[in-house]
Amino acid sequence: MSETNFDEDKDSENRAASDVPVQRVVMRLRYFNEWRRGADTEQPDPKQVGLDIDFATDKLEQITHVCTSHHETKEQFISRIKQILDSA
């Protein structure tokens, strides 16, 4: 596992996950999953893990909705996916 410094995320513990860029949420969820599988690391903050899971599932639902609507061009589809991911 790669070293992850969560000291810089202490201020994010009380923020909504939607205030955090997608990449940071992914990083924290991967860290959590490695910890859950037995990695010798500190336990992540359960509240932050919950916020990150909510954030990720909301984004997946939004993307799924876009994928099931076939009334747009490829460029429009790509643009909508980028909007979803950038609306972190």
Protein backbone atom coordinates (compact mmCIF):
# COMPACT_ATOMS: atom_id res chain seq x y z
CA MET A 1 0.00 0.00 0.00
CA SER A 2 1.20 3.47 -0.74
CA GLU A 3 1.78 5.89 2.09
CA THR A 4 -1.15 8.23 2.59
CA ASN A 5 -1.02 11.36 4.69
CA PHE A 6 -4.41 12.13 6.17
CA ASP A 7 -3.25 14.99 8.37
CA GLU A 8 -4.14 17.42 5.61
CA ASP A 9 -7.68 15.99 5.55
CA LYS A 10 -8.42 16.71 9.22
CA ASP A 11 -10.26 19.89 8.27
CA SER A 12 -12.42 17.88 5.87
CA GLU A 13 -13.72 15.56 8.59
CA ASN A 14 -16.63 17.90 9.33
CA ARG A 15 -17.27 19.00 5.76
CA ALA A 16 -19.73 17.43 3.39
CA ALA A 17 -17.96 15.05 1.04
CA SER A 18 -19.27 17.07 -1.91
CA ASP A 19 -16.77 19.80 -0.95
CA VAL A 20 -13.87 17.46 -1.70
CA PRO A 21 -12.51 16.64 -5.17
CA VAL A 22 -13.40 13.22 -6.57
CA GLN A 23 -9.78 12.05 -6.55
CA ARG A 24 -9.47 12.62 -2.79
CA VAL A 25 -12.66 10.68 -2.12
CA VAL A 26 -11.35 7.81 -4.24
CA MET A 27 -8.03 7.90 -2.37
CA ARG A 28 -9.75 7.78 1.02
CA LEU A 29 -12.10 4.96 -0.02
CA ARG A 30 -9.17 2.90 -1.33
CA TYR A 31 -7.33 3.51 1.96
CA PHE A 32 -10.43 2.45 3.90
CA ASN A 33 -10.77 -0.72 1.84
CA GLU A 34 -7.11 -1.63 2.38
CA TRP A 35 -7.55 -1.05 6.15
CA ARG A 36 -10.74 -3.14 6.11
CA ARG A 37 -8.85 -5.98 4.44
CA GLY A 38 -6.25 -5.99 7.19
CA ALA A 39 -3.55 -3.52 6.14
CA ASP A 40 -1.42 -2.32 9.04
CA THR A 41 -2.70 1.28 8.91
CA GLU A 42 -4.71 3.63 11.08
CA GLN A 43 -8.46 3.19 11.07
CA PRO A 44 -10.04 5.89 8.91
CA ASP A 45 -12.60 8.21 10.47
CA PRO A 46 -15.95 6.36 10.21
CA LYS A 47 -17.89 9.59 9.72
CA GLN A 48 -15.69 10.61 6.79
CA VAL A 49 -15.93 7.11 5.28
CA GLY A 50 -19.72 7.40 5.42
CA LEU A 51 -19.66 10.81 3.74
CA ASP A 52 -17.32 9.47 1.06
CA ILE A 53 -19.56 6.45 0.40
CA ASP A 54 -22.59 8.77 0.10
CA PHE A 55 -20.66 10.99 -2.31
CA ALA A 56 -19.51 8.06 -4.46
CA THR A 57 -22.94 6.44 -4.63
CA ASP A 58 -24.56 9.78 -5.53
CA LYS A 59 -22.06 10.23 -8.39
CA LEU A 60 -22.63 6.65 -9.60
CA GLU A 61 -26.41 7.19 -9.58
CA GLN A 62 -26.00 10.39 -11.59
CA ILE A 63 -23.72 8.68 -14.11
CA THR A 64 -26.11 5.70 -14.38
CA HIS A 65 -28.96 8.10 -15.13
CA VAL A 66 -26.92 9.75 -17.90
CA CYS A 67 -25.96 6.34 -19.32
CA THR A 68 -29.59 5.24 -19.55
CA SER A 69 -30.76 8.36 -21.40
CA HIS A 70 -30.00 7.85 -25.08
CA HIS A 71 -31.28 11.18 -26.32
CA GLU A 72 -27.97 12.96 -26.73
CA THR A 73 -24.88 12.95 -28.87
CA LYS A 74 -21.58 11.39 -27.78
CA GLU A 75 -20.17 14.89 -27.13
CA GLN A 76 -23.18 15.82 -24.97
CA PHE A 77 -22.85 12.55 -23.06
CA ILE A 78 -19.15 13.13 -22.35
CA SER A 79 -19.86 16.71 -21.33
CA ARG A 80 -22.56 15.62 -18.86
CA ILE A 81 -20.29 12.99 -17.29
CA LYS A 82 -17.54 15.61 -16.87
CA GLN A 83 -20.07 17.97 -15.25
CA ILE A 84 -21.08 15.28 -12.79
CA LEU A 85 -17.50 14.51 -11.81
CA ASP A 86 -16.51 18.19 -11.65
CA SER A 87 -19.47 19.11 -9.45
CA ALA A 88 -17.62 17.78 -6.43
